[in-house]
Amino acid sequence: MRFRDRRDAGEQLARQLGPLGLGAATVLAIPRGGVVVADAIVRALGWPLDVIIPRKLRAPHNPELAFGAVTGDGTIYLDPRLTRTLHIADDYLRDEVVFQIAEITRRRLAYRKTRPEPDLRNRTAVLVDDGLATGATAIAAVRMVRHALAREVAVAIPVGPPEAVRRLEGEADKVISLLRPLEFVAVGEFYEDFQQTGDEEVVACLERAWKRAQAS
């Protein structure tokens, strides 16, 4: 099974999320591609949309491999196996965290400008991305949302390998994953169209959602 594109994946996730009775839910998308998936979900279900911006911590000499992730409030998740295997030094970790928090700050300003952060107290937070690889960024995001006192934390993803999904299930209250393929190389192989999402599209999706919320 493959998704046509991120919007198709979001529409399929919405059909799974709707019957769950999540109540007062706020969708928090992980940029960039997760925002397009989430936009399709909120259009179908009428929930508010916002963003959460975790960043993966890149392995030395292999920036595509994440040995953990960090969020803007300083929440850090480290994959214990990878951290040991890669012999991550304290000074490397410190420098990588500083670098990624600076990128989180840049993106937050680009996407939200001066808009206040959503109040998640006594609400269900539904975290959305366009797929899961190691699960590091999603786990860091779940932990950040728990710090924000959300009543319940769910994660909705189109695809993720079984091991990563199981790790995430140990962190979130609910995990909705449409595909859990045993043979997994990259998220993009499960999409017919997986072109890169730019900051402009992220901002457009968010502004449309915020205008709909103001009009309702």
Protein backbone atom coordinates (compact mmCIF):
# COMPACT_ATOMS: atom_id res chain seq x y z
CA MET A 1 0.00 0.00 0.00
CA ARG A 2 1.19 3.51 -0.84
CA PHE A 3 -0.35 6.92 -0.24
CA ARG A 4 -0.91 9.24 -3.17
CA ASP A 5 0.55 12.15 -1.20
CA ARG A 6 0.51 13.65 2.27
CA ARG A 7 -3.08 14.88 1.93
CA ASP A 8 -4.29 11.41 1.04
CA ALA A 9 -2.49 10.09 4.13
CA GLY A 10 -4.13 12.77 6.29
CA GLU A 11 -7.60 11.98 4.97
CA GLN A 12 -7.09 8.29 5.76
CA LEU A 13 -5.88 9.14 9.27
CA ALA A 14 -8.92 11.36 9.82
CA ARG A 15 -11.19 8.39 9.11
CA GLN A 16 -9.40 6.46 11.86
CA LEU A 17 -9.31 9.34 14.34
CA GLY A 18 -12.93 10.42 14.03
CA PRO A 19 -14.52 7.40 15.78
CA LEU A 20 -12.07 7.41 18.72
CA GLY A 21 -14.03 9.96 20.75
CA LEU A 22 -11.02 12.09 21.61
CA GLY A 23 -13.17 15.03 22.68
CA ALA A 24 -11.59 18.49 22.80
CA ALA A 25 -8.52 17.74 20.70
CA THR A 26 -5.78 20.00 19.37
CA VAL A 27 -3.72 18.74 16.44
CA LEU A 28 0.00 19.50 16.74
CA ALA A 29 1.87 18.95 13.50
CA ILE A 30 5.59 18.24 13.23
CA PRO A 31 6.98 20.41 10.38
CA ARG A 32 7.43 20.35 7.64
CA GLY A 33 5.64 17.43 5.99
CA GLY A 34 3.51 16.65 9.02
CA VAL A 35 1.75 19.99 8.65
CA VAL A 36 0.29 18.98 5.27
CA VAL A 37 -0.92 15.66 6.71
CA ALA A 38 -2.40 17.47 9.71
CA ASP A 39 -4.09 20.08 7.50
CA ALA A 40 -6.12 17.32 5.85
CA ILE A 41 -7.06 15.93 9.28
CA VAL A 42 -8.32 19.22 10.70
CA ARG A 43 -10.26 20.01 7.53
CA ALA A 44 -12.10 16.71 7.94
CA LEU A 45 -12.62 16.82 11.72
CA GLY A 46 -12.83 20.53 12.50
CA TRP A 47 -10.13 20.45 15.17
CA PRO A 48 -7.70 23.35 15.76
CA LEU A 49 -4.23 23.08 14.24
CA ASP A 50 -0.88 24.18 15.60
CA VAL A 51 2.73 23.07 15.38
CA ILE A 52 5.25 21.43 17.65
CA ILE A 53 8.88 21.61 16.51
CA PRO A 54 11.16 18.83 17.72
CA ARG A 55 14.50 18.42 15.94
CA LYS A 56 16.54 15.28 15.57
CA LEU A 57 20.02 15.10 17.06
CA ARG A 58 22.29 14.09 14.20
CA ALA A 59 24.88 11.38 14.48
CA PRO A 60 28.49 12.44 13.88
CA HIS A 61 29.46 11.94 10.22
CA ASN A 62 25.92 10.73 9.39
CA PRO A 63 23.42 13.62 9.64
CA GLU A 64 20.54 11.46 8.37
CA LEU A 65 20.77 9.19 11.42
CA ALA A 66 19.08 10.47 14.59
CA PHE A 67 20.44 9.28 17.92
CA GLY A 68 17.85 11.39 19.74
CA ALA A 69 15.84 14.59 19.55
CA VAL A 70 15.28 17.88 21.35
CA THR A 71 12.36 20.28 21.68
CA GLY A 72 12.22 24.03 22.18
CA ASP A 73 11.66 23.76 25.92
CA GLY A 74 14.86 21.74 26.29
CA THR A 75 13.23 18.30 26.48
CA ILE A 76 15.79 15.78 25.23
CA TYR A 77 15.25 12.17 24.20
CA LEU A 78 18.30 9.96 23.60
CA ASP A 79 18.15 6.53 22.03
CA PRO A 80 20.21 4.56 24.57
CA ARG A 81 21.40 1.92 22.11
CA LEU A 82 22.50 4.37 19.43
CA THR A 83 24.07 6.75 21.94
CA ARG A 84 26.25 3.92 23.24
CA THR A 85 27.05 2.51 19.80
CA LEU A 86 28.02 5.90 18.38
CA HIS A 87 30.06 6.88 21.48
CA ILE A 88 28.41 10.30 21.62
CA ALA A 89 30.70 12.66 23.52
CA ASP A 90 29.25 15.17 25.98
CA ASP A 91 30.65 18.17 24.11
CA TYR A 92 29.24 16.93 20.80
CA LEU A 93 25.83 16.42 22.38
CA ARG A 94 25.90 19.89 23.94
CA ASP A 95 26.84 21.58 20.65
CA GLU A 96 24.22 19.64 18.69
CA VAL A 97 21.48 20.53 21.19
CA VAL A 98 22.40 24.23 21.01
CA PHE A 99 22.40 24.13 17.20
CA GLN A 100 19.01 22.42 16.97
CA ILE A 101 17.34 24.66 19.55
CA ALA A 102 18.49 27.66 17.49
CA GLU A 103 16.82 26.10 14.43
CA ILE A 104 13.65 25.47 16.46
CA THR A 105 13.63 29.14 17.46
CA ARG A 106 14.03 30.20 13.82
CA ARG A 107 11.19 27.98 12.67
CA ARG A 108 8.90 29.01 15.50
CA LEU A 109 9.33 32.65 14.52
CA ALA A 110 8.82 31.87 10.82
CA TYR A 111 5.68 29.80 11.40
CA ARG A 112 4.03 31.47 14.39
CA LYS A 113 5.45 35.01 14.42
CA THR A 114 4.01 36.48 17.65
CA ARG A 115 1.10 34.07 17.98
CA PRO A 116 0.94 32.58 21.51
CA GLU A 117 1.52 28.89 22.10
CA PRO A 118 -1.67 26.78 22.40
CA ASP A 119 -3.02 26.04 25.86
CA LEU A 120 -3.13 22.23 26.09
CA ARG A 121 -4.32 21.92 29.68
CA ASN A 122 -7.23 19.46 29.94
CA ARG A 123 -7.18 18.85 26.19
CA THR A 124 -6.19 15.90 24.06
CA ALA A 125 -3.12 16.60 21.94
CA VAL A 126 -2.88 14.70 18.66
CA LEU A 127 0.67 14.76 17.30
CA VAL A 128 0.94 14.27 13.54
CA ASP A 129 3.85 13.63 11.22
CA ASP A 130 4.13 12.25 7.68
CA GLY A 131 5.90 9.15 8.92
CA LEU A 132 8.16 7.63 11.52
CA ALA A 133 11.73 6.42 11.08
CA THR A 134 13.50 6.05 14.44
CA GLY A 135 10.67 7.71 16.37
CA ALA A 136 13.05 10.03 18.22
CA THR A 137 11.39 13.33 17.27
CA ALA A 138 7.92 11.99 18.02
CA ILE A 139 8.99 10.74 21.46
CA ALA A 140 10.57 14.09 22.33
CA ALA A 141 7.39 15.83 21.20
CA VAL A 142 5.20 13.54 23.33
CA ARG A 143 7.31 14.31 26.40
CA MET A 144 7.11 18.05 25.75
CA VAL A 145 3.31 17.88 25.45
CA ARG A 146 3.10 15.97 28.72
CA HIS A 147 5.04 18.80 30.35
CA ALA A 148 2.34 21.13 28.98
CA LEU A 149 -0.25 19.16 31.02
CA ALA A 150 -2.29 17.77 28.14
CA ARG A 151 -5.01 15.44 29.40
CA GLU A 152 -4.17 12.78 26.80
CA VAL A 153 -1.50 12.45 24.13
CA ALA A 154 -2.17 10.61 20.88
CA VAL A 155 0.11 10.23 17.87
CA ALA A 156 -1.19 9.76 14.33
CA ILE A 157 1.20 8.72 11.58
CA PRO A 158 0.69 7.19 8.15
CA VAL A 159 3.64 4.78 8.36
CA GLY A 160 6.38 3.62 10.70
CA PRO A 161 8.45 0.47 11.27
CA PRO A 162 7.09 -1.83 14.00
CA GLU A 163 10.00 -1.34 16.43
CA ALA A 164 9.74 2.46 16.30
CA VAL A 165 5.95 2.32 16.69
CA ARG A 166 6.31 0.06 19.74
CA ARG A 167 8.72 2.51 21.36
CA LEU A 168 6.24 5.30 20.72
CA GLU A 169 3.39 3.26 22.20
CA GLY A 170 5.39 3.19 25.43
CA GLU A 171 5.26 7.00 25.54
CA ALA A 172 1.87 8.07 24.14
CA ASP A 173 -1.62 7.15 25.31
CA LYS A 174 -2.68 6.19 21.78
CA VAL A 175 -0.76 5.57 18.56
CA ILE A 176 -2.59 5.39 15.25
CA SER A 177 -0.32 4.03 12.52
CA LEU A 178 -1.89 3.03 9.21
CA LEU A 179 1.12 1.02 8.02
CA ARG A 180 3.73 -0.87 10.04
CA PRO A 181 5.87 -2.50 7.35
CA LEU A 182 8.44 -5.09 8.37
CA GLU A 183 10.65 -4.01 5.47
CA PHE A 184 11.29 -0.30 5.93
CA VAL A 185 14.00 1.85 4.39
CA ALA A 186 12.55 5.37 4.32
CA VAL A 187 9.19 7.10 4.79
CA GLY A 188 9.16 8.36 1.22
CA GLU A 189 8.95 4.88 -0.31
CA PHE A 190 5.34 4.64 0.90
CA TYR A 191 4.22 7.74 -1.02
CA GLU A 192 3.72 8.18 -4.74
CA ASP A 193 4.37 11.92 -4.30
CA PHE A 194 6.75 12.83 -1.48
CA GLN A 195 8.11 16.13 -2.71
CA GLN A 196 9.69 18.37 -0.10
CA THR A 197 7.41 20.72 1.84
CA GLY A 198 8.66 24.30 2.12
CA ASP A 199 8.24 26.84 4.89
CA GLU A 200 5.80 28.78 2.69
CA GLU A 201 3.39 25.83 2.51
CA VAL A 202 3.65 25.29 6.27
CA VAL A 203 2.75 28.94 6.93
CA ALA A 204 -0.13 28.82 4.43
CA CYS A 205 -1.64 25.72 6.08
CA LEU A 206 -1.38 27.23 9.55
CA GLU A 207 -2.83 30.60 8.54
CA ARG A 208 -5.81 28.93 6.84
CA ALA A 209 -6.47 26.83 9.94
CA TRP A 210 -6.21 29.83 12.26
CA LYS A 211 -8.62 31.84 10.09
CA ARG A 212 -11.13 28.98 10.14
CA ALA A 213 -10.87 28.82 13.93
CA GLN A 214 -11.51 32.58 14.24
CA ALA A 215 -14.54 32.36 11.95
CA SER A 216 -16.15 29.47 13.82
